[in-house]
Amino acid sequence: MIHSLAGGFLRELDYADFAKVKILSGGNAGKVFWYTTDILGLQVGDRVEVPLLNSIEVGIVEKIELNLSAQVAPVSIKLAKWIIKKFGLISCFLKKIIL
């Protein structure tokens, strides 16, 4: 065991922001998944577009955890998928017009 105070080196920690997203559409509606995010201003209650298996689904952000290290992250930082985008007022409006 290498002790950091004895001059040993502890591996560098990765940090990421995570969002817990409840899926609103498709066969996985109601299920919750964790995603990494770099979207500034993301808040609980925001609608987002996320990858899920081989499709893109719409979900709602239920919880946000900022600046988590790899040791305490809810899922592996290296394996986590990213939120594609946050729906704003304009994109929600346009989606209603198209549908």
PDB file of N, CA and C in Angstrom:
ATOM      1  N   MET A   1       0.843  -1.171   0.000  1.00  0.00           N
ATOM      2  CA  MET A   1       0.000   0.000   0.000  1.00  0.00           C
ATOM      3  C   MET A   1       0.893   1.241   0.000  1.00  0.00           C
ATOM      4  N   ILE A   2       0.567   2.178  -0.854  1.00  0.00           N
ATOM      5  CA  ILE A   2       1.331   3.410  -0.946  1.00  0.00           C
ATOM      6  C   ILE A   2       0.591   4.489  -0.164  1.00  0.00           C
ATOM      7  N   HIS A   3       1.272   5.104   0.752  1.00  0.00           N
ATOM      8  CA  HIS A   3       0.661   6.149   1.557  1.00  0.00           C
ATOM      9  C   HIS A   3       0.994   7.496   0.937  1.00  0.00           C
ATOM     10  N   SER A   4      -0.012   8.331   0.730  1.00  0.00           N
ATOM     11  CA  SER A   4       0.204   9.607   0.042  1.00  0.00           C
ATOM     12  C   SER A   4       1.104  10.552   0.836  1.00  0.00           C
ATOM     13  N   LEU A   5       1.095  10.473   2.153  1.00  0.00           N
ATOM     14  CA  LEU A   5       1.949  11.357   2.958  1.00  0.00           C
ATOM     15  C   LEU A   5       3.405  10.927   2.918  1.00  0.00           C
ATOM     16  N   ALA A   6       3.682   9.704   2.489  1.00  0.00           N
ATOM     17  CA  ALA A   6       5.050   9.213   2.403  1.00  0.00           C
ATOM     18  C   ALA A   6       5.638   9.461   1.019  1.00  0.00           C
ATOM     19  N   GLY A   7       4.963  10.280   0.223  1.00  0.00           N
ATOM     20  CA  GLY A   7       5.472  10.599  -1.101  1.00  0.00           C
ATOM     21  C   GLY A   7       4.924   9.699  -2.184  1.00  0.00           C
ATOM     22  N   GLY A   8       4.017   8.813  -1.815  1.00  0.00           N
ATOM     23  CA  GLY A   8       3.396   7.945  -2.819  1.00  0.00           C
ATOM     24  C   GLY A   8       2.464   8.750  -3.703  1.00  0.00           C
ATOM     25  N   PHE A   9       2.082   8.166  -4.814  1.00  0.00           N
ATOM     26  CA  PHE A   9       1.221   8.854  -5.774  1.00  0.00           C
ATOM     27  C   PHE A   9      -0.135   8.181  -5.801  1.00  0.00           C
ATOM     28  N   LEU A  10      -1.158   8.955  -5.557  1.00  0.00           N
ATOM     29  CA  LEU A  10      -2.522   8.452  -5.718  1.00  0.00           C
ATOM     30  C   LEU A  10      -2.982   8.848  -7.106  1.00  0.00           C
ATOM     31  N   ARG A  11      -3.703   7.967  -7.766  1.00  0.00           N
ATOM     32  CA  ARG A  11      -4.126   8.258  -9.135  1.00  0.00           C
ATOM     33  C   ARG A  11      -4.982   9.519  -9.181  1.00  0.00           C
ATOM     34  N   GLU A  12      -4.910  10.186 -10.314  1.00  0.00           N
ATOM     35  CA  GLU A  12      -5.706  11.393 -10.482  1.00  0.00           C
ATOM     36  C   GLU A  12      -7.184  11.034 -10.512  1.00  0.00           C
ATOM     37  N   LEU A  13      -7.985  11.876  -9.936  1.00  0.00           N
ATOM     38  CA  LEU A  13      -9.418  11.643  -9.916  1.00  0.00           C
ATOM     39  C   LEU A  13     -10.087  12.374 -11.065  1.00  0.00           C
ATOM     40  N   ASP A  14     -11.046  11.707 -11.693  1.00  0.00           N
ATOM     41  CA  ASP A  14     -11.870  12.353 -12.701  1.00  0.00           C
ATOM     42  C   ASP A  14     -13.096  12.920 -11.998  1.00  0.00           C
ATOM     43  N   TYR A  15     -13.575  14.053 -12.469  1.00  0.00           N
ATOM     44  CA  TYR A  15     -14.769  14.681 -11.922  1.00  0.00           C
ATOM     45  C   TYR A  15     -15.763  14.930 -13.039  1.00  0.00           C
ATOM     46  N   ALA A  16     -17.053  14.825 -12.739  1.00  0.00           N
ATOM     47  CA  ALA A  16     -18.090  15.076 -13.731  1.00  0.00           C
ATOM     48  C   ALA A  16     -19.371  15.512 -13.034  1.00  0.00           C
ATOM     49  N   ASP A  17     -20.248  16.152 -13.806  1.00  0.00           N
ATOM     50  CA  ASP A  17     -21.584  16.510 -13.332  1.00  0.00           C
ATOM     51  C   ASP A  17     -22.554  15.443 -13.818  1.00  0.00           C
ATOM     52  N   PHE A  18     -23.476  15.051 -12.949  1.00  0.00           N
ATOM     53  CA  PHE A  18     -24.436  14.005 -13.281  1.00  0.00           C
ATOM     54  C   PHE A  18     -25.862  14.500 -13.134  1.00  0.00           C
ATOM     55  N   ALA A  19     -26.749  13.966 -13.961  1.00  0.00           N
ATOM     56  CA  ALA A  19     -28.172  14.272 -13.867  1.00  0.00           C
ATOM     57  C   ALA A  19     -28.950  12.953 -13.863  1.00  0.00           C
ATOM     58  N   LYS A  20     -29.868  12.843 -12.930  1.00  0.00           N
ATOM     59  CA  LYS A  20     -30.764  11.691 -12.849  1.00  0.00           C
ATOM     60  C   LYS A  20     -31.990  12.040 -13.694  1.00  0.00           C
ATOM     61  N   VAL A  21     -32.248  11.233 -14.743  1.00  0.00           N
ATOM     62  CA  VAL A  21     -33.293  11.549 -15.718  1.00  0.00           C
ATOM     63  C   VAL A  21     -34.347  10.450 -15.737  1.00  0.00           C
ATOM     64  N   LYS A  22     -35.617  10.863 -15.621  1.00  0.00           N
ATOM     65  CA  LYS A  22     -36.748   9.946 -15.736  1.00  0.00           C
ATOM     66  C   LYS A  22     -37.234   9.994 -17.175  1.00  0.00           C
ATOM     67  N   ILE A  23     -37.269   8.834 -17.825  1.00  0.00           N
ATOM     68  CA  ILE A  23     -37.661   8.737 -19.226  1.00  0.00           C
ATOM     69  C   ILE A  23     -39.171   8.930 -19.337  1.00  0.00           C
ATOM     70  N   LEU A  24     -39.597   9.758 -20.302  1.00  0.00           N
ATOM     71  CA  LEU A  24     -41.014  10.068 -20.466  1.00  0.00           C
ATOM     72  C   LEU A  24     -41.655   9.373 -21.658  1.00  0.00           C
ATOM     73  N   SER A  25     -40.852   8.800 -22.547  1.00  0.00           N
ATOM     74  CA  SER A  25     -41.414   8.241 -23.771  1.00  0.00           C
ATOM     75  C   SER A  25     -40.851   6.847 -24.047  1.00  0.00           C
ATOM     76  N   GLY A  26     -41.497   6.139 -24.949  1.00  0.00           N
ATOM     77  CA  GLY A  26     -41.003   4.833 -25.375  1.00  0.00           C
ATOM     78  C   GLY A  26     -41.282   3.713 -24.387  1.00  0.00           C
ATOM     79  N   GLY A  27     -40.698   2.559 -24.641  1.00  0.00           N
ATOM     80  CA  GLY A  27     -40.902   1.380 -23.808  1.00  0.00           C
ATOM     81  C   GLY A  27     -40.281   1.467 -22.431  1.00  0.00           C
ATOM     82  N   ASN A  28     -39.381   2.407 -22.233  1.00  0.00           N
ATOM     83  CA  ASN A  28     -38.730   2.585 -20.929  1.00  0.00           C
ATOM     84  C   ASN A  28     -39.314   3.758 -20.138  1.00  0.00           C
ATOM     85  N   ALA A  29     -40.499   4.218 -20.515  1.00  0.00           N
ATOM     86  CA  ALA A  29     -41.135   5.344 -19.823  1.00  0.00           C
ATOM     87  C   ALA A  29     -41.273   5.028 -18.336  1.00  0.00           C
ATOM     88  N   GLY A  30     -40.886   5.986 -17.516  1.00  0.00           N
ATOM     89  CA  GLY A  30     -40.966   5.825 -16.070  1.00  0.00           C
ATOM     90  C   GLY A  30     -39.684   5.330 -15.430  1.00  0.00           C
ATOM     91  N   LYS A  31     -38.783   4.776 -16.210  1.00  0.00           N
ATOM     92  CA  LYS A  31     -37.506   4.306 -15.667  1.00  0.00           C
ATOM     93  C   LYS A  31     -36.548   5.480 -15.501  1.00  0.00           C
ATOM     94  N   VAL A  32     -35.609   5.333 -14.573  1.00  0.00           N
ATOM     95  CA  VAL A  32     -34.677   6.403 -14.251  1.00  0.00           C
ATOM     96  C   VAL A  32     -33.254   5.959 -14.571  1.00  0.00           C
ATOM     97  N   PHE A  33     -32.489   6.856 -15.199  1.00  0.00           N
ATOM     98  CA  PHE A  33     -31.103   6.593 -15.559  1.00  0.00           C
ATOM     99  C   PHE A  33     -30.252   7.810 -15.217  1.00  0.00           C
ATOM    100  N   TRP A  34     -28.969   7.578 -14.933  1.00  0.00           N
ATOM    101  CA  TRP A  34     -28.014   8.653 -14.674  1.00  0.00           C
ATOM    102  C   TRP A  34     -27.244   8.962 -15.947  1.00  0.00           C
ATOM    103  N   TYR A  35     -27.040  10.245 -16.217  1.00  0.00           N
ATOM    104  CA  TYR A  35     -26.281  10.709 -17.371  1.00  0.00           C
ATOM    105  C   TYR A  35     -25.288  11.756 -16.921  1.00  0.00           C
ATOM    106  N   THR A  36     -24.172  11.862 -17.649  1.00  0.00           N
ATOM    107  CA  THR A  36     -23.261  12.969 -17.406  1.00  0.00           C
ATOM    108  C   THR A  36     -23.739  14.158 -18.238  1.00  0.00           C
ATOM    109  N   THR A  37     -23.363  15.350 -17.799  1.00  0.00           N
ATOM    110  CA  THR A  37     -23.801  16.550 -18.505  1.00  0.00           C
ATOM    111  C   THR A  37     -22.761  17.658 -18.400  1.00  0.00           C
ATOM    112  N   ASP A  38     -22.722  18.485 -19.417  1.00  0.00           N
ATOM    113  CA  ASP A  38     -21.907  19.695 -19.378  1.00  0.00           C
ATOM    114  C   ASP A  38     -22.763  20.901 -19.753  1.00  0.00           C
ATOM    115  N   ILE A  39     -24.073  20.735 -19.656  1.00  0.00           N
ATOM    116  CA  ILE A  39     -25.014  21.797 -20.016  1.00  0.00           C
ATOM    117  C   ILE A  39     -25.097  22.813 -18.873  1.00  0.00           C
ATOM    118  N   LEU A  40     -24.718  24.037 -19.159  1.00  0.00           N
ATOM    119  CA  LEU A  40     -24.779  25.095 -18.152  1.00  0.00           C
ATOM    120  C   LEU A  40     -26.240  25.471 -17.896  1.00  0.00           C
ATOM    121  N   GLY A  41     -26.577  25.678 -16.647  1.00  0.00           N
ATOM    122  CA  GLY A  41     -27.926  26.102 -16.307  1.00  0.00           C
ATOM    123  C   GLY A  41     -28.961  24.988 -16.279  1.00  0.00           C
ATOM    124  N   LEU A  42     -28.532  23.748 -16.365  1.00  0.00           N
ATOM    125  CA  LEU A  42     -29.471  22.626 -16.291  1.00  0.00           C
ATOM    126  C   LEU A  42     -30.075  22.591 -14.891  1.00  0.00           C
ATOM    127  N   GLN A  43     -31.409  22.446 -14.826  1.00  0.00           N
ATOM    128  CA  GLN A  43     -32.102  22.463 -13.534  1.00  0.00           C
ATOM    129  C   GLN A  43     -33.053  21.285 -13.421  1.00  0.00           C
ATOM    130  N   VAL A  44     -33.384  20.955 -12.183  1.00  0.00           N
ATOM    131  CA  VAL A  44     -34.393  19.931 -11.929  1.00  0.00           C
ATOM    132  C   VAL A  44     -35.689  20.385 -12.588  1.00  0.00           C
ATOM    133  N   GLY A  45     -36.333  19.473 -13.302  1.00  0.00           N
ATOM    134  CA  GLY A  45     -37.573  19.790 -14.002  1.00  0.00           C
ATOM    135  C   GLY A  45     -37.394  20.076 -15.479  1.00  0.00           C
ATOM    136  N   ASP A  46     -36.151  20.284 -15.929  1.00  0.00           N
ATOM    137  CA  ASP A  46     -35.896  20.540 -17.347  1.00  0.00           C
ATOM    138  C   ASP A  46     -36.146  19.279 -18.171  1.00  0.00           C
ATOM    139  N   ARG A  47     -36.699  19.470 -19.365  1.00  0.00           N
ATOM    140  CA  ARG A  47     -36.855  18.354 -20.310  1.00  0.00           C
ATOM    141  C   ARG A  47     -35.574  18.244 -21.125  1.00  0.00           C
ATOM    142  N   VAL A  48     -35.111  17.016 -21.309  1.00  0.00           N
ATOM    143  CA  VAL A  48     -33.862  16.778 -22.021  1.00  0.00           C
ATOM    144  C   VAL A  48     -34.019  15.631 -23.009  1.00  0.00           C
ATOM    145  N   GLU A  49     -33.108  15.596 -23.962  1.00  0.00           N
ATOM    146  CA  GLU A  49     -33.050  14.509 -24.934  1.00  0.00           C
ATOM    147  C   GLU A  49     -31.834  13.653 -24.578  1.00  0.00           C
ATOM    148  N   VAL A  50     -32.051  12.348 -24.423  1.00  0.00           N
ATOM    149  CA  VAL A  50     -30.981  11.456 -23.977  1.00  0.00           C
ATOM    150  C   VAL A  50     -30.909  10.200 -24.839  1.00  0.00           C
ATOM    151  N   PRO A  51     -29.712   9.632 -24.984  1.00  0.00           N
ATOM    152  CA  PRO A  51     -29.596   8.354 -25.683  1.00  0.00           C
ATOM    153  C   PRO A  51     -30.016   7.212 -24.764  1.00  0.00           C
ATOM    154  N   LEU A  52     -30.733   6.251 -25.304  1.00  0.00           N
ATOM    155  CA  LEU A  52     -31.137   5.087 -24.535  1.00  0.00           C
ATOM    156  C   LEU A  52     -31.168   3.890 -25.475  1.00  0.00           C
ATOM    157  N   LEU A  53     -30.256   2.957 -25.242  1.00  0.00           N
ATOM    158  CA  LEU A  53     -30.073   1.806 -26.127  1.00  0.00           C
ATOM    159  C   LEU A  53     -29.822   2.311 -27.540  1.00  0.00           C
ATOM    160  N   ASN A  54     -30.684   1.989 -28.489  1.00  0.00           N
ATOM    161  CA  ASN A  54     -30.465   2.407 -29.881  1.00  0.00           C
ATOM    162  C   ASN A  54     -31.393   3.534 -30.298  1.00  0.00           C
ATOM    163  N   SER A  55     -31.923   4.275 -29.350  1.00  0.00           N
ATOM    164  CA  SER A  55     -32.858   5.340 -29.697  1.00  0.00           C
ATOM    165  C   SER A  55     -32.537   6.605 -28.897  1.00  0.00           C
ATOM    166  N   ILE A  56     -33.243   7.651 -29.239  1.00  0.00           N
ATOM    167  CA  ILE A  56     -33.150   8.925 -28.525  1.00  0.00           C
ATOM    168  C   ILE A  56     -34.503   9.125 -27.858  1.00  0.00           C
ATOM    169  N   GLU A  57     -34.497   9.384 -26.550  1.00  0.00           N
ATOM    170  CA  GLU A  57     -35.743   9.539 -25.799  1.00  0.00           C
ATOM    171  C   GLU A  57     -35.785  10.900 -25.121  1.00  0.00           C
ATOM    172  N   VAL A  58     -36.982  11.298 -24.717  1.00  0.00           N
ATOM    173  CA  VAL A  58     -37.190  12.533 -23.971  1.00  0.00           C
ATOM    174  C   VAL A  58     -37.357  12.163 -22.506  1.00  0.00           C
ATOM    175  N   GLY A  59     -36.717  12.940 -21.641  1.00  0.00           N
ATOM    176  CA  GLY A  59     -36.821  12.689 -20.217  1.00  0.00           C
ATOM    177  C   GLY A  59     -36.892  13.991 -19.447  1.00  0.00           C
ATOM    178  N   ILE A  60     -37.086  13.877 -18.143  1.00  0.00           N
ATOM    179  CA  ILE A  60     -37.138  15.041 -17.273  1.00  0.00           C
ATOM    180  C   ILE A  60     -36.098  14.874 -16.169  1.00  0.00           C
ATOM    181  N   VAL A  61     -35.353  15.928 -15.897  1.00  0.00           N
ATOM    182  CA  VAL A  61     -34.296  15.881 -14.891  1.00  0.00           C
ATOM    183  C   VAL A  61     -34.932  15.850 -13.500  1.00  0.00           C
ATOM    184  N   GLU A  62     -34.574  14.822 -12.716  1.00  0.00           N
ATOM    185  CA  GLU A  62     -35.097  14.691 -11.358  1.00  0.00           C
ATOM    186  C   GLU A  62     -34.103  15.144 -10.292  1.00  0.00           C
ATOM    187  N   LYS A  63     -32.814  15.030 -10.585  1.00  0.00           N
ATOM    188  CA  LYS A  63     -31.794  15.374  -9.604  1.00  0.00           C
ATOM    189  C   LYS A  63     -30.504  15.720 -10.342  1.00  0.00           C
ATOM    190  N   ILE A  64     -29.738  16.654  -9.780  1.00  0.00           N
ATOM    191  CA  ILE A  64     -28.451  17.024 -10.355  1.00  0.00           C
ATOM    192  C   ILE A  64     -27.386  16.933  -9.271  1.00  0.00           C
ATOM    193  N   GLU A  65     -26.279  16.282  -9.601  1.00  0.00           N
ATOM    194  CA  GLU A  65     -25.122  16.170  -8.700  1.00  0.00           C
ATOM    195  C   GLU A  65     -23.933  16.776  -9.427  1.00  0.00           C
ATOM    196  N   LEU A  66     -23.378  17.847  -8.861  1.00  0.00           N
ATOM    197  CA  LEU A  66     -22.283  18.561  -9.515  1.00  0.00           C
ATOM    198  C   LEU A  66     -20.920  18.158  -8.968  1.00  0.00           C
ATOM    199  N   ASN A  67     -19.953  18.085  -9.876  1.00  0.00           N
ATOM    200  CA  ASN A  67     -18.548  17.890  -9.528  1.00  0.00           C
ATOM    201  C   ASN A  67     -18.299  16.646  -8.666  1.00  0.00           C
ATOM    202  N   LEU A  68     -18.816  15.520  -9.103  1.00  0.00           N
ATOM    203  CA  LEU A  68     -18.604  14.265  -8.376  1.00  0.00           C
ATOM    204  C   LEU A  68     -17.332  13.584  -8.855  1.00  0.00           C
ATOM    205  N   SER A  69     -16.578  13.042  -7.920  1.00  0.00           N
ATOM    206  CA  SER A  69     -15.378  12.301  -8.304  1.00  0.00           C
ATOM    207  C   SER A  69     -15.778  10.909  -8.772  1.00  0.00           C
ATOM    208  N   ALA A  70     -14.865  10.255  -9.447  1.00  0.00           N
ATOM    209  CA  ALA A  70     -15.123   8.907  -9.950  1.00  0.00           C
ATOM    210  C   ALA A  70     -15.410   7.937  -8.809  1.00  0.00           C
ATOM    211  N   GLN A  71     -14.906   8.238  -7.624  1.00  0.00           N
ATOM    212  CA  GLN A  71     -15.093   7.336  -6.487  1.00  0.00           C
ATOM    213  C   GLN A  71     -16.507   7.372  -5.928  1.00  0.00           C
ATOM    214  N   VAL A  72     -17.216   8.470  -6.093  1.00  0.00           N
ATOM    215  CA  VAL A  72     -18.564   8.575  -5.521  1.00  0.00           C
ATOM    216  C   VAL A  72     -19.652   8.756  -6.574  1.00  0.00           C
ATOM    217  N   ALA A  73     -19.286   8.691  -7.839  1.00  0.00           N
ATOM    218  CA  ALA A  73     -20.257   8.864  -8.918  1.00  0.00           C
ATOM    219  C   ALA A  73     -21.286   7.731  -8.913  1.00  0.00           C
ATOM    220  N   PRO A  74     -22.541   8.035  -9.284  1.00  0.00           N
ATOM    221  CA  PRO A  74     -23.583   7.008  -9.289  1.00  0.00           C
ATOM    222  C   PRO A  74     -23.365   5.929 -10.353  1.00  0.00           C
ATOM    223  N   VAL A  75     -22.658   6.266 -11.420  1.00  0.00           N
ATOM    224  CA  VAL A  75     -22.274   5.308 -12.469  1.00  0.00           C
ATOM    225  C   VAL A  75     -20.850   5.642 -12.894  1.00  0.00           C
ATOM    226  N   SER A  76     -20.211   4.730 -13.584  1.00  0.00           N
ATOM    227  CA  SER A  76     -18.845   4.948 -14.048  1.00  0.00           C
ATOM    228  C   SER A  76     -18.779   6.160 -14.980  1.00  0.00           C
ATOM    229  N   ILE A  77     -17.876   7.075 -14.692  1.00  0.00           N
ATOM    230  CA  ILE A  77     -17.733   8.269 -15.531  1.00  0.00           C
ATOM    231  C   ILE A  77     -17.355   7.882 -16.961  1.00  0.00           C
ATOM    232  N   LYS A  78     -16.515   6.902 -17.097  1.00  0.00           N
ATOM    233  CA  LYS A  78     -16.054   6.499 -18.431  1.00  0.00           C
ATOM    234  C   LYS A  78     -17.151   5.810 -19.249  1.00  0.00           C
ATOM    235  N   LEU A  79     -18.111   5.172 -18.600  1.00  0.00           N
ATOM    236  CA  LEU A  79     -19.160   4.438 -19.304  1.00  0.00           C
ATOM    237  C   LEU A  79     -20.484   5.198 -19.418  1.00  0.00           C
ATOM    238  N   ALA A  80     -20.622   6.274 -18.646  1.00  0.00           N
ATOM    239  CA  ALA A  80     -21.883   7.022 -18.643  1.00  0.00           C
ATOM    240  C   ALA A  80     -22.119   7.702 -19.988  1.00  0.00           C
ATOM    241  N   LYS A  81     -23.376   7.778 -20.384  1.00  0.00           N
ATOM    242  CA  LYS A  81     -23.748   8.485 -21.605  1.00  0.00           C
ATOM    243  C   LYS A  81     -24.061   9.936 -21.261  1.00  0.00           C
ATOM    244  N   TRP A  82     -23.972  10.787 -22.276  1.00  0.00           N
ATOM    245  CA  TRP A  82     -24.159  12.225 -22.093  1.00  0.00           C
ATOM    246  C   TRP A  82     -25.563  12.647 -22.489  1.00  0.00           C
ATOM    247  N   ILE A  83     -26.100  13.644 -21.787  1.00  0.00           N
ATOM    248  CA  ILE A  83     -27.355  14.267 -22.208  1.00  0.00           C
ATOM    249  C   ILE A  83     -27.088  14.968 -23.532  1.00  0.00           C
ATOM    250  N   ILE A  84     -27.961  14.748 -24.507  1.00  0.00           N
ATOM    251  CA  ILE A  84     -27.764  15.326 -25.838  1.00  0.00           C
ATOM    252  C   ILE A  84     -28.070  16.818 -25.843  1.00  0.00           C
ATOM    253  N   LYS A  85     -29.249  17.175 -25.334  1.00  0.00           N
ATOM    254  CA  LYS A  85     -29.596  18.596 -25.288  1.00  0.00           C
ATOM    255  C   LYS A  85     -30.734  18.835 -24.315  1.00  0.00           C
ATOM    256  N   LYS A  86     -30.848  20.087 -23.929  1.00  0.00           N
ATOM    257  CA  LYS A  86     -31.942  20.548 -23.081  1.00  0.00           C
ATOM    258  C   LYS A  86     -32.960  21.214 -23.990  1.00  0.00           C
ATOM    259  N   PHE A  87     -34.227  20.901 -23.786  1.00  0.00           N
ATOM    260  CA  PHE A  87     -35.270  21.560 -24.559  1.00  0.00           C
ATOM    261  C   PHE A  87     -35.546  22.927 -23.956  1.00  0.00           C
ATOM    262  N   GLY A  88     -35.501  23.942 -24.800  1.00  0.00           N
ATOM    263  CA  GLY A  88     -35.853  25.290 -24.372  1.00  0.00           C
ATOM    264  C   GLY A  88     -37.278  25.578 -24.779  1.00  0.00           C
ATOM    265  N   LEU A  89     -37.734  26.767 -24.508  1.00  0.00           N
ATOM    266  CA  LEU A  89     -39.099  27.139 -24.873  1.00  0.00           C
ATOM    267  C   LEU A  89     -39.315  27.058 -26.372  1.00  0.00           C
ATOM    268  N   ILE A  90     -38.335  27.495 -27.150  1.00  0.00           N
ATOM    269  CA  ILE A  90     -38.481  27.491 -28.608  1.00  0.00           C
ATOM    270  C   ILE A  90     -38.545  26.070 -29.145  1.00  0.00           C
ATOM    271  N   SER A  91     -37.642  25.174 -28.696  1.00  0.00           N
ATOM    272  CA  SER A  91     -37.628  23.812 -29.224  1.00  0.00           C
ATOM    273  C   SER A  91     -38.888  23.058 -28.825  1.00  0.00           C
ATOM    274  N   CYS A  92     -39.422  23.299 -27.620  1.00  0.00           N
ATOM    275  CA  CYS A  92     -40.664  22.649 -27.203  1.00  0.00           C
ATOM    276  C   CYS A  92     -41.823  23.133 -28.069  1.00  0.00           C
ATOM    277  N   PHE A  93     -41.848  24.433 -28.372  1.00  0.00           N
ATOM    278  CA  PHE A  93     -42.891  25.012 -29.199  1.00  0.00           C
ATOM    279  C   PHE A  93     -42.847  24.429 -30.602  1.00  0.00           C
ATOM    280  N   LEU A  94     -41.654  24.373 -31.192  1.00  0.00           N
ATOM    281  CA  LEU A  94     -41.505  23.832 -32.543  1.00  0.00           C
ATOM    282  C   LEU A  94     -41.875  22.360 -32.594  1.00  0.00           C
ATOM    283  N   LYS A  95     -41.548  21.589 -31.565  1.00  0.00           N
ATOM    284  CA  LYS A  95     -41.873  20.171 -31.557  1.00  0.00           C
ATOM    285  C   LYS A  95     -43.394  19.988 -31.552  1.00  0.00           C
ATOM    286  N   LYS A  96     -44.132  20.829 -30.830  1.00  0.00           N
ATOM    287  CA  LYS A  96     -45.591  20.746 -30.813  1.00  0.00           C
ATOM    288  C   LYS A  96     -46.176  21.073 -32.185  1.00  0.00           C
ATOM    289  N   ILE A  97     -45.566  22.038 -32.881  1.00  0.00           N
ATOM    290  CA  ILE A  97     -46.047  22.397 -34.216  1.00  0.00           C
ATOM    291  C   ILE A  97     -45.831  21.248 -35.191  1.00  0.00           C
ATOM    292  N   ILE A  98     -44.662  20.611 -35.124  1.00  0.00           N
ATOM    293  CA  ILE A  98     -44.322  19.515 -36.037  1.00  0.00           C
ATOM    294  C   ILE A  98     -45.201  18.311 -35.773  1.00  0.00           C
ATOM    295  N   LEU A  99     -45.457  18.006 -34.509  1.00  0.00           N
ATOM    296  CA  LEU A  99     -46.283  16.844 -34.154  1.00  0.00           C
ATOM    297  C   LEU A  99     -47.725  17.195 -34.386  1.00  0.00           C
TER     298      LEU A  99
END
